[in-house]
Amino acid sequence: MFRVINSKTGRVVPNEKFHTQVEAEAFLSKKGSGFELRGGYLARATALLFEKRLDNNSLGNILDVLRTYLGDDAGFTRTAENEITVINFCDDKTKVPFGFHDEDFMDKVLSFAEINKAELGISETGKLWTEGEYGETHEWAKDNKGDTLLSEGILRRRPDLHAWLRDRRDAFEKLIENYSGEKLVAAERSAISSNIFHQSGTQSGRANLRGRAIPRVSEWNDQIKAQYGTPREGSSSVVGVHFSPEVQNTLSGAFYGKGLKGAEASRVGRSGDPRLANLIATSD
């Protein structure tokens, strides 16, 4: 439902409600300047159900095809493993759709679904309304520290939060600076050349969850029983330590430890990356 309001008073023009944006805009043009269009609190949307679970590759393919219908700004929300919802987002203040009229939007999305049904595996479509906010759009290129965001709304009254955020941002930037690019390569080479994995540092005053003292790094190296892989130029050699309540002579990627039963197997199955099935779990 659309309405027309007086720009100065904010009052709605009485007895004038429109089911479509086209009708409302036609009435607005007759009223002339001094009036604005307002939409409802719900945004039009379409849910698309697919025959199979959507992995990263299929999601990317869907987005590429959808953009040929809705433009480069098109997007969707994944609402289930085999479902996405495409929303005709509205301006948070005026509640008027950003790009397409609702009727045009629905026609384009339903055409996308019908024409690409077989190729993308679309099994069902549904029309619905959604409630929410698009959110603020911040120009990080112009304000890379987010000062504008911190000076608006409830955040402007939290100087303590400002200091906390800036402190962590500075720490993060220093971390990235010290451990990226040539500095990261130099740190890796330094660690290898100094044979850091054979230094006998101690872990004084620390113990694992079962009360046993944590072994020194040198002790881990003394117990290395197998090495895997072929060294390549520029690669780093690392020591892997498997913690377990029982002695393990071999490790297999077919097992997932004794944590929450089935949880790791389920997580690997949902990942969409077949390489994970060949990895050995790093925690128990």
C-alpha atoms as a PDB file:
ATOM      1  CA  MET A   1       0.000   0.000   0.000  1.00  0.00           C
ATOM      2  CA  PHE A   2       1.338   3.438  -0.981  1.00  0.00           C
ATOM      3  CA  ARG A   3       0.424   6.892   0.309  1.00  0.00           C
ATOM      4  CA  VAL A   4       1.315  10.507  -0.472  1.00  0.00           C
ATOM      5  CA  ILE A   5       2.332  12.864   2.352  1.00  0.00           C
ATOM      6  CA  ASN A   6       2.750  16.595   2.753  1.00  0.00           C
ATOM      7  CA  SER A   7       6.513  17.301   2.901  1.00  0.00           C
ATOM      8  CA  LYS A   8       6.145  20.100   5.452  1.00  0.00           C
ATOM      9  CA  THR A   9       3.613  18.603   7.838  1.00  0.00           C
ATOM     10  CA  GLY A  10       4.343  14.928   7.286  1.00  0.00           C
ATOM     11  CA  ARG A  11       0.619  14.268   7.162  1.00  0.00           C
ATOM     12  CA  VAL A  12      -0.880  11.756   4.766  1.00  0.00           C
ATOM     13  CA  VAL A  13      -3.186  13.087   2.067  1.00  0.00           C
ATOM     14  CA  PRO A  14      -6.579  11.838   3.331  1.00  0.00           C
ATOM     15  CA  ASN A  15      -8.641   9.225   1.503  1.00  0.00           C
ATOM     16  CA  GLU A  16      -5.852   8.472  -0.942  1.00  0.00           C
ATOM     17  CA  LYS A  17      -4.308   4.996  -0.732  1.00  0.00           C
ATOM     18  CA  PHE A  18      -2.868   3.119  -3.682  1.00  0.00           C
ATOM     19  CA  HIS A  19      -2.233  -0.584  -4.245  1.00  0.00           C
ATOM     20  CA  THR A  20       0.579   0.015  -6.719  1.00  0.00           C
ATOM     21  CA  GLN A  21       3.489   2.415  -6.929  1.00  0.00           C
ATOM     22  CA  VAL A  22       2.493   3.366 -10.471  1.00  0.00           C
ATOM     23  CA  GLU A  23      -0.898   4.639  -9.286  1.00  0.00           C
ATOM     24  CA  ALA A  24       0.672   6.531  -6.386  1.00  0.00           C
ATOM     25  CA  GLU A  25       3.271   8.187  -8.616  1.00  0.00           C
ATOM     26  CA  ALA A  26       0.557   9.262 -11.061  1.00  0.00           C
ATOM     27  CA  PHE A  27      -1.355  10.939  -8.223  1.00  0.00           C
ATOM     28  CA  LEU A  28       1.861  12.491  -6.882  1.00  0.00           C
ATOM     29  CA  SER A  29       2.633  14.091 -10.247  1.00  0.00           C
ATOM     30  CA  LYS A  30      -0.772  15.787 -10.199  1.00  0.00           C
ATOM     31  CA  LYS A  31      -0.208  17.166  -6.689  1.00  0.00           C
ATOM     32  CA  GLY A  32       2.990  18.900  -7.765  1.00  0.00           C
ATOM     33  CA  SER A  33       5.856  19.944  -5.469  1.00  0.00           C
ATOM     34  CA  GLY A  34       5.586  19.776  -1.708  1.00  0.00           C
ATOM     35  CA  PHE A  35       4.448  16.154  -1.566  1.00  0.00           C
ATOM     36  CA  GLU A  36       6.322  12.857  -1.208  1.00  0.00           C
ATOM     37  CA  LEU A  37       5.654   9.177  -1.761  1.00  0.00           C
ATOM     38  CA  ARG A  38       5.593   6.679   1.102  1.00  0.00           C
ATOM     39  CA  GLY A  39       5.370   2.905   0.950  1.00  0.00           C
ATOM     40  CA  GLY A  40       4.258   0.262   3.432  1.00  0.00           C
ATOM     41  CA  TYR A  41       6.309  -1.572   6.037  1.00  0.00           C
ATOM     42  CA  LEU A  42       6.522  -4.828   4.082  1.00  0.00           C
ATOM     43  CA  ALA A  43       8.756  -5.516   1.089  1.00  0.00           C
ATOM     44  CA  ARG A  44       7.816  -7.823  -1.776  1.00  0.00           C
ATOM     45  CA  ALA A  45       9.876 -10.989  -2.122  1.00  0.00           C
ATOM     46  CA  THR A  46      10.065 -14.339  -3.904  1.00  0.00           C
ATOM     47  CA  ALA A  47      11.265 -17.611  -2.391  1.00  0.00           C
ATOM     48  CA  LEU A  48      12.944 -20.106  -4.739  1.00  0.00           C
ATOM     49  CA  LEU A  49      13.205 -23.770  -3.770  1.00  0.00           C
ATOM     50  CA  PHE A  50      15.831 -25.962  -5.440  1.00  0.00           C
ATOM     51  CA  GLU A  51      15.995 -29.696  -6.025  1.00  0.00           C
ATOM     52  CA  LYS A  52      19.420 -30.083  -4.404  1.00  0.00           C
ATOM     53  CA  ARG A  53      21.449 -28.530  -1.623  1.00  0.00           C
ATOM     54  CA  LEU A  54      23.128 -25.298  -2.741  1.00  0.00           C
ATOM     55  CA  ASP A  55      26.922 -25.200  -2.490  1.00  0.00           C
ATOM     56  CA  ASN A  56      29.194 -22.212  -3.091  1.00  0.00           C
ATOM     57  CA  ASN A  57      29.542 -22.937  -6.797  1.00  0.00           C
ATOM     58  CA  SER A  58      25.802 -23.202  -7.416  1.00  0.00           C
ATOM     59  CA  LEU A  59      25.110 -20.060  -5.340  1.00  0.00           C
ATOM     60  CA  GLY A  60      27.623 -18.110  -7.423  1.00  0.00           C
ATOM     61  CA  ASN A  61      26.083 -19.383 -10.644  1.00  0.00           C
ATOM     62  CA  ILE A  62      22.582 -18.428  -9.481  1.00  0.00           C
ATOM     63  CA  LEU A  63      23.758 -14.902  -8.643  1.00  0.00           C
ATOM     64  CA  ASP A  64      25.417 -14.460 -12.042  1.00  0.00           C
ATOM     65  CA  VAL A  65      22.250 -15.441 -13.882  1.00  0.00           C
ATOM     66  CA  LEU A  66      19.997 -13.400 -11.572  1.00  0.00           C
ATOM     67  CA  ARG A  67      22.048 -10.280 -12.289  1.00  0.00           C
ATOM     68  CA  THR A  68      21.212 -10.550 -15.981  1.00  0.00           C
ATOM     69  CA  TYR A  69      17.579  -9.957 -14.957  1.00  0.00           C
ATOM     70  CA  LEU A  70      17.909  -7.497 -12.058  1.00  0.00           C
ATOM     71  CA  GLY A  71      21.238  -5.781 -12.736  1.00  0.00           C
ATOM     72  CA  ASP A  72      24.602  -5.784 -10.970  1.00  0.00           C
ATOM     73  CA  ASP A  73      23.082  -4.777  -7.618  1.00  0.00           C
ATOM     74  CA  ALA A  74      20.992  -7.959  -7.452  1.00  0.00           C
ATOM     75  CA  GLY A  75      21.366 -10.265  -4.477  1.00  0.00           C
ATOM     76  CA  PHE A  76      19.513 -12.822  -2.396  1.00  0.00           C
ATOM     77  CA  THR A  77      19.314 -14.287   1.092  1.00  0.00           C
ATOM     78  CA  ARG A  78      19.894 -17.995   1.620  1.00  0.00           C
ATOM     79  CA  THR A  79      17.003 -19.138   3.843  1.00  0.00           C
ATOM     80  CA  ALA A  80      17.608 -22.914   3.791  1.00  0.00           C
ATOM     81  CA  GLU A  81      20.095 -25.418   2.393  1.00  0.00           C
ATOM     82  CA  ASN A  82      18.100 -25.574  -0.846  1.00  0.00           C
ATOM     83  CA  GLU A  83      16.250 -22.242  -0.752  1.00  0.00           C
ATOM     84  CA  ILE A  84      16.941 -18.584  -1.433  1.00  0.00           C
ATOM     85  CA  THR A  85      14.751 -15.491  -1.032  1.00  0.00           C
ATOM     86  CA  VAL A  86      15.020 -12.537  -3.395  1.00  0.00           C
ATOM     87  CA  ILE A  87      13.768  -9.293  -1.806  1.00  0.00           C
ATOM     88  CA  ASN A  88      12.818  -6.009  -3.447  1.00  0.00           C
ATOM     89  CA  PHE A  89      14.468  -3.907  -0.732  1.00  0.00           C
ATOM     90  CA  CYS A  90      13.007  -0.513   0.142  1.00  0.00           C
ATOM     91  CA  ASP A  91      14.461   2.713   1.486  1.00  0.00           C
ATOM     92  CA  ASP A  92      14.386   2.561   5.295  1.00  0.00           C
ATOM     93  CA  LYS A  93      12.867   6.046   5.565  1.00  0.00           C
ATOM     94  CA  THR A  94      10.376   6.248   2.692  1.00  0.00           C
ATOM     95  CA  LYS A  95       9.664   2.485   2.398  1.00  0.00           C
ATOM     96  CA  VAL A  96       9.681   2.925  -1.375  1.00  0.00           C
ATOM     97  CA  PRO A  97      11.541   0.223  -3.391  1.00  0.00           C
ATOM     98  CA  PHE A  98      15.064   1.218  -4.430  1.00  0.00           C
ATOM     99  CA  GLY A  99      15.036   0.025  -8.009  1.00  0.00           C
ATOM    100  CA  PHE A 100      12.035  -1.730  -9.532  1.00  0.00           C
ATOM    101  CA  HIS A 101       8.360  -1.303  -8.903  1.00  0.00           C
ATOM    102  CA  ASP A 102       7.060  -4.384  -7.094  1.00  0.00           C
ATOM    103  CA  GLU A 103       5.183  -5.585 -10.181  1.00  0.00           C
ATOM    104  CA  ASP A 104       8.253  -5.307 -12.417  1.00  0.00           C
ATOM    105  CA  PHE A 105      10.434  -6.930  -9.774  1.00  0.00           C
ATOM    106  CA  MET A 106       8.134  -9.939  -9.408  1.00  0.00           C
ATOM    107  CA  ASP A 107       7.838 -10.345 -13.180  1.00  0.00           C
ATOM    108  CA  LYS A 108      11.623 -10.363 -13.589  1.00  0.00           C
ATOM    109  CA  VAL A 109      12.281 -12.820 -10.766  1.00  0.00           C
ATOM    110  CA  LEU A 110       9.525 -15.205 -11.871  1.00  0.00           C
ATOM    111  CA  SER A 111      10.798 -15.030 -15.458  1.00  0.00           C
ATOM    112  CA  PHE A 112      14.282 -15.830 -14.171  1.00  0.00           C
ATOM    113  CA  ALA A 113      12.886 -18.854 -12.330  1.00  0.00           C
ATOM    114  CA  GLU A 114      10.818 -20.139 -15.235  1.00  0.00           C
ATOM    115  CA  ILE A 115      13.437 -19.746 -17.963  1.00  0.00           C
ATOM    116  CA  ASN A 116      16.287 -21.195 -15.865  1.00  0.00           C
ATOM    117  CA  LYS A 117      14.224 -23.832 -14.070  1.00  0.00           C
ATOM    118  CA  ALA A 118      15.894 -26.855 -15.666  1.00  0.00           C
ATOM    119  CA  GLU A 119      19.437 -25.472 -15.766  1.00  0.00           C
ATOM    120  CA  LEU A 120      19.496 -24.309 -12.118  1.00  0.00           C
ATOM    121  CA  GLY A 121      17.269 -27.036 -10.712  1.00  0.00           C
ATOM    122  CA  ILE A 122      14.493 -24.751  -9.442  1.00  0.00           C
ATOM    123  CA  SER A 123      11.613 -26.879  -8.181  1.00  0.00           C
ATOM    124  CA  GLU A 124       9.207 -24.345  -6.703  1.00  0.00           C
ATOM    125  CA  THR A 125       8.570 -20.604  -6.331  1.00  0.00           C
ATOM    126  CA  GLY A 126       6.555 -18.689  -3.762  1.00  0.00           C
ATOM    127  CA  LYS A 127       5.454 -15.078  -3.321  1.00  0.00           C
ATOM    128  CA  LEU A 128       5.736 -13.470   0.106  1.00  0.00           C
ATOM    129  CA  TRP A 129       6.186 -10.235   2.051  1.00  0.00           C
ATOM    130  CA  THR A 130       9.156  -9.524   4.305  1.00  0.00           C
ATOM    131  CA  GLU A 131       9.727  -7.065   7.122  1.00  0.00           C
ATOM    132  CA  GLY A 132      13.105  -5.588   7.947  1.00  0.00           C
ATOM    133  CA  GLU A 133      15.591  -2.824   7.250  1.00  0.00           C
ATOM    134  CA  TYR A 134      18.137  -2.473   4.514  1.00  0.00           C
ATOM    135  CA  GLY A 135      20.578  -0.823   6.903  1.00  0.00           C
ATOM    136  CA  GLU A 136      23.026   2.026   6.582  1.00  0.00           C
ATOM    137  CA  THR A 137      25.400   2.226   3.638  1.00  0.00           C
ATOM    138  CA  HIS A 138      28.763   3.547   4.728  1.00  0.00           C
ATOM    139  CA  GLU A 139      31.406   4.893   2.351  1.00  0.00           C
ATOM    140  CA  TRP A 140      34.506   3.286   3.852  1.00  0.00           C
ATOM    141  CA  ALA A 141      36.721   4.707   1.102  1.00  0.00           C
ATOM    142  CA  LYS A 142      35.864   8.237   2.288  1.00  0.00           C
ATOM    143  CA  ASP A 143      35.731   7.464   6.020  1.00  0.00           C
ATOM    144  CA  ASN A 144      37.955   4.452   6.623  1.00  0.00           C
ATOM    145  CA  LYS A 145      37.854   4.786  10.409  1.00  0.00           C
ATOM    146  CA  GLY A 146      34.060   4.838  10.651  1.00  0.00           C
ATOM    147  CA  ASP A 147      33.914   8.233  12.413  1.00  0.00           C
ATOM    148  CA  THR A 148      30.559   8.999  10.779  1.00  0.00           C
ATOM    149  CA  LEU A 149      29.009   5.809  12.136  1.00  0.00           C
ATOM    150  CA  LEU A 150      30.314   6.513  15.635  1.00  0.00           C
ATOM    151  CA  SER A 151      28.887  10.033  15.604  1.00  0.00           C
ATOM    152  CA  GLU A 152      25.337   8.985  14.755  1.00  0.00           C
ATOM    153  CA  GLY A 153      22.510   7.353  16.663  1.00  0.00           C
ATOM    154  CA  ILE A 154      23.092   5.661  19.996  1.00  0.00           C
ATOM    155  CA  LEU A 155      26.817   5.181  19.265  1.00  0.00           C
ATOM    156  CA  ARG A 156      27.538   8.899  19.627  1.00  0.00           C
ATOM    157  CA  ARG A 157      26.815   8.614  23.352  1.00  0.00           C
ATOM    158  CA  ARG A 158      29.398   5.856  23.918  1.00  0.00           C
ATOM    159  CA  PRO A 159      32.894   7.413  23.990  1.00  0.00           C
ATOM    160  CA  ASP A 160      34.076   4.394  26.002  1.00  0.00           C
ATOM    161  CA  LEU A 161      33.056   2.148  23.124  1.00  0.00           C
ATOM    162  CA  HIS A 162      34.787   4.462  20.639  1.00  0.00           C
ATOM    163  CA  ALA A 163      38.109   4.064  22.491  1.00  0.00           C
ATOM    164  CA  TRP A 164      37.671   0.277  22.720  1.00  0.00           C
ATOM    165  CA  LEU A 165      36.967  -0.053  18.993  1.00  0.00           C
ATOM    166  CA  ARG A 166      39.858   2.184  17.952  1.00  0.00           C
ATOM    167  CA  ASP A 167      42.274   0.324  20.234  1.00  0.00           C
ATOM    168  CA  ARG A 168      41.397  -2.992  18.645  1.00  0.00           C
ATOM    169  CA  ARG A 169      41.484  -1.565  15.163  1.00  0.00           C
ATOM    170  CA  ASP A 170      45.023  -0.252  15.757  1.00  0.00           C
ATOM    171  CA  ALA A 171      46.100  -3.638  17.132  1.00  0.00           C
ATOM    172  CA  PHE A 172      44.599  -5.429  14.139  1.00  0.00           C
ATOM    173  CA  GLU A 173      46.292  -3.112  11.631  1.00  0.00           C
ATOM    174  CA  LYS A 174      49.674  -3.610  13.325  1.00  0.00           C
ATOM    175  CA  LEU A 175      49.156  -7.371  13.229  1.00  0.00           C
ATOM    176  CA  ILE A 176      48.352  -7.283   9.510  1.00  0.00           C
ATOM    177  CA  GLU A 177      51.348  -5.020   8.851  1.00  0.00           C
ATOM    178  CA  ASN A 178      53.787  -7.282  10.710  1.00  0.00           C
ATOM    179  CA  TYR A 179      52.484 -10.566   9.321  1.00  0.00           C
ATOM    180  CA  SER A 180      51.758  -9.979   5.652  1.00  0.00           C
ATOM    181  CA  GLY A 181      53.677  -9.646   2.416  1.00  0.00           C
ATOM    182  CA  GLU A 182      57.465  -9.545   2.620  1.00  0.00           C
ATOM    183  CA  LYS A 183      57.439  -9.284   6.434  1.00  0.00           C
ATOM    184  CA  LEU A 184      55.573 -12.582   6.692  1.00  0.00           C
ATOM    185  CA  VAL A 185      57.986 -14.274   4.274  1.00  0.00           C
ATOM    186  CA  ALA A 186      60.946 -12.951   6.301  1.00  0.00           C
ATOM    187  CA  ALA A 187      59.420 -14.192   9.575  1.00  0.00           C
ATOM    188  CA  GLU A 188      58.911 -17.671   8.112  1.00  0.00           C
ATOM    189  CA  ARG A 189      62.463 -17.820   6.802  1.00  0.00           C
ATOM    190  CA  SER A 190      63.811 -16.643  10.155  1.00  0.00           C
ATOM    191  CA  ALA A 191      61.870 -19.341  11.988  1.00  0.00           C
ATOM    192  CA  ILE A 192      63.153 -22.049   9.668  1.00  0.00           C
ATOM    193  CA  SER A 193      66.779 -20.876   9.732  1.00  0.00           C
ATOM    194  CA  SER A 194      66.832 -20.644  13.532  1.00  0.00           C
ATOM    195  CA  ASN A 195      65.414 -24.167  13.817  1.00  0.00           C
ATOM    196  CA  ILE A 196      62.754 -22.790  16.138  1.00  0.00           C
ATOM    197  CA  PHE A 197      60.943 -26.094  16.497  1.00  0.00           C
ATOM    198  CA  HIS A 198      63.928 -27.633  18.315  1.00  0.00           C
ATOM    199  CA  GLN A 199      64.298 -24.962  20.955  1.00  0.00           C
ATOM    200  CA  SER A 200      63.678 -26.243  24.456  1.00  0.00           C
ATOM    201  CA  GLY A 201      61.265 -23.647  25.783  1.00  0.00           C
ATOM    202  CA  THR A 202      59.281 -24.711  28.846  1.00  0.00           C
ATOM    203  CA  GLN A 203      55.618 -24.243  29.711  1.00  0.00           C
ATOM    204  CA  SER A 204      56.012 -23.514  33.445  1.00  0.00           C
ATOM    205  CA  GLY A 205      52.907 -23.588  35.563  1.00  0.00           C
ATOM    206  CA  ARG A 206      50.669 -24.956  32.780  1.00  0.00           C
ATOM    207  CA  ALA A 207      48.869 -28.244  32.532  1.00  0.00           C
ATOM    208  CA  ASN A 208      46.356 -29.797  30.182  1.00  0.00           C
ATOM    209  CA  LEU A 209      42.785 -30.606  31.114  1.00  0.00           C
ATOM    210  CA  ARG A 210      43.712 -34.030  32.482  1.00  0.00           C
ATOM    211  CA  GLY A 211      46.317 -32.640  34.900  1.00  0.00           C
ATOM    212  CA  ARG A 212      49.377 -33.807  32.998  1.00  0.00           C
ATOM    213  CA  ALA A 213      52.156 -31.329  32.294  1.00  0.00           C
ATOM    214  CA  ILE A 214      52.226 -29.951  28.754  1.00  0.00           C
ATOM    215  CA  PRO A 215      55.299 -31.308  26.911  1.00  0.00           C
ATOM    216  CA  ARG A 216      58.021 -28.944  25.831  1.00  0.00           C
ATOM    217  CA  VAL A 217      58.365 -28.238  22.120  1.00  0.00           C
ATOM    218  CA  SER A 218      61.623 -30.200  22.102  1.00  0.00           C
ATOM    219  CA  GLU A 219      59.839 -33.229  23.561  1.00  0.00           C
ATOM    220  CA  TRP A 220      57.259 -33.126  20.781  1.00  0.00           C
ATOM    221  CA  ASN A 221      60.079 -33.251  18.208  1.00  0.00           C
ATOM    222  CA  ASP A 222      61.729 -36.183  19.975  1.00  0.00           C
ATOM    223  CA  GLN A 223      58.502 -38.161  19.539  1.00  0.00           C
ATOM    224  CA  ILE A 224      57.982 -37.502  15.834  1.00  0.00           C
ATOM    225  CA  LYS A 225      57.251 -40.889  14.286  1.00  0.00           C
ATOM    226  CA  ALA A 226      56.225 -39.975  10.760  1.00  0.00           C
ATOM    227  CA  GLN A 227      56.637 -37.208   8.230  1.00  0.00           C
ATOM    228  CA  TYR A 228      54.417 -36.580   5.225  1.00  0.00           C
ATOM    229  CA  GLY A 229      54.598 -34.611   2.028  1.00  0.00           C
ATOM    230  CA  THR A 230      57.412 -33.548  -0.258  1.00  0.00           C
ATOM    231  CA  PRO A 231      59.117 -30.234   0.615  1.00  0.00           C
ATOM    232  CA  ARG A 232      58.721 -27.536  -2.012  1.00  0.00           C
ATOM    233  CA  GLU A 233      60.628 -24.298  -2.468  1.00  0.00           C
ATOM    234  CA  GLY A 234      59.286 -21.595  -0.172  1.00  0.00           C
ATOM    235  CA  SER A 235      57.301 -24.050   1.955  1.00  0.00           C
ATOM    236  CA  SER A 236      57.460 -24.306   5.755  1.00  0.00           C
ATOM    237  CA  SER A 237      57.852 -27.419   7.882  1.00  0.00           C
ATOM    238  CA  VAL A 238      55.580 -27.679  10.915  1.00  0.00           C
ATOM    239  CA  VAL A 239      55.128 -30.127  13.782  1.00  0.00           C
ATOM    240  CA  GLY A 240      51.591 -31.482  14.228  1.00  0.00           C
ATOM    241  CA  VAL A 241      50.626 -32.654  17.719  1.00  0.00           C
ATOM    242  CA  HIS A 242      47.568 -34.879  18.181  1.00  0.00           C
ATOM    243  CA  PHE A 243      46.030 -34.776  21.671  1.00  0.00           C
ATOM    244  CA  SER A 244      44.108 -37.881  22.685  1.00  0.00           C
ATOM    245  CA  PRO A 245      43.216 -39.717  25.937  1.00  0.00           C
ATOM    246  CA  GLU A 246      44.636 -42.902  24.398  1.00  0.00           C
ATOM    247  CA  VAL A 247      47.856 -43.756  22.565  1.00  0.00           C
ATOM    248  CA  GLN A 248      47.324 -43.562  18.798  1.00  0.00           C
ATOM    249  CA  ASN A 249      49.785 -45.257  16.463  1.00  0.00           C
ATOM    250  CA  THR A 250      47.975 -44.048  13.342  1.00  0.00           C
ATOM    251  CA  LEU A 251      45.628 -41.207  12.437  1.00  0.00           C
ATOM    252  CA  SER A 252      42.841 -41.460   9.880  1.00  0.00           C
ATOM    253  CA  GLY A 253      40.658 -38.811   8.287  1.00  0.00           C
ATOM    254  CA  ALA A 254      37.754 -41.304   8.416  1.00  0.00           C
ATOM    255  CA  PHE A 255      37.320 -40.699  12.166  1.00  0.00           C
ATOM    256  CA  TYR A 256      36.048 -37.574  13.897  1.00  0.00           C
ATOM    257  CA  GLY A 257      37.087 -37.985  17.549  1.00  0.00           C
ATOM    258  CA  LYS A 258      34.795 -38.487  20.543  1.00  0.00           C
ATOM    259  CA  GLY A 259      33.219 -35.054  20.815  1.00  0.00           C
ATOM    260  CA  LEU A 260      29.569 -34.391  19.965  1.00  0.00           C
ATOM    261  CA  LYS A 261      28.681 -37.549  18.063  1.00  0.00           C
ATOM    262  CA  GLY A 262      28.350 -36.960  14.344  1.00  0.00           C
ATOM    263  CA  ALA A 263      28.892 -33.205  14.603  1.00  0.00           C
ATOM    264  CA  GLU A 264      32.215 -33.131  12.745  1.00  0.00           C
ATOM    265  CA  ALA A 265      31.003 -35.557  10.080  1.00  0.00           C
ATOM    266  CA  SER A 266      27.939 -33.369   9.534  1.00  0.00           C
ATOM    267  CA  ARG A 267      30.062 -30.197   9.347  1.00  0.00           C
ATOM    268  CA  VAL A 268      32.405 -31.722   6.764  1.00  0.00           C
ATOM    269  CA  GLY A 269      29.438 -32.953   4.741  1.00  0.00           C
ATOM    270  CA  ARG A 270      27.892 -29.480   4.650  1.00  0.00           C
ATOM    271  CA  SER A 271      31.090 -27.706   3.627  1.00  0.00           C
ATOM    272  CA  GLY A 272      30.824 -28.372  -0.098  1.00  0.00           C
ATOM    273  CA  ASP A 273      34.628 -28.762  -0.229  1.00  0.00           C
ATOM    274  CA  PRO A 274      35.604 -32.416  -0.900  1.00  0.00           C
ATOM    275  CA  ARG A 275      39.179 -31.736   0.301  1.00  0.00           C
ATOM    276  CA  LEU A 276      37.973 -31.602   3.914  1.00  0.00           C
ATOM    277  CA  ALA A 277      37.040 -35.286   3.747  1.00  0.00           C
ATOM    278  CA  ASN A 278      40.764 -36.126   3.496  1.00  0.00           C
ATOM    279  CA  LEU A 279      41.893 -34.026   6.456  1.00  0.00           C
ATOM    280  CA  ILE A 280      42.610 -35.297   9.949  1.00  0.00           C
ATOM    281  CA  ALA A 281      40.613 -33.544  12.669  1.00  0.00           C
ATOM    282  CA  THR A 282      42.821 -31.227  14.754  1.00  0.00           C
ATOM    283  CA  SER A 283      40.768 -31.442  17.946  1.00  0.00           C
ATOM    284  CA  ASP A 284      39.069 -34.147  19.969  1.00  0.00           C
END
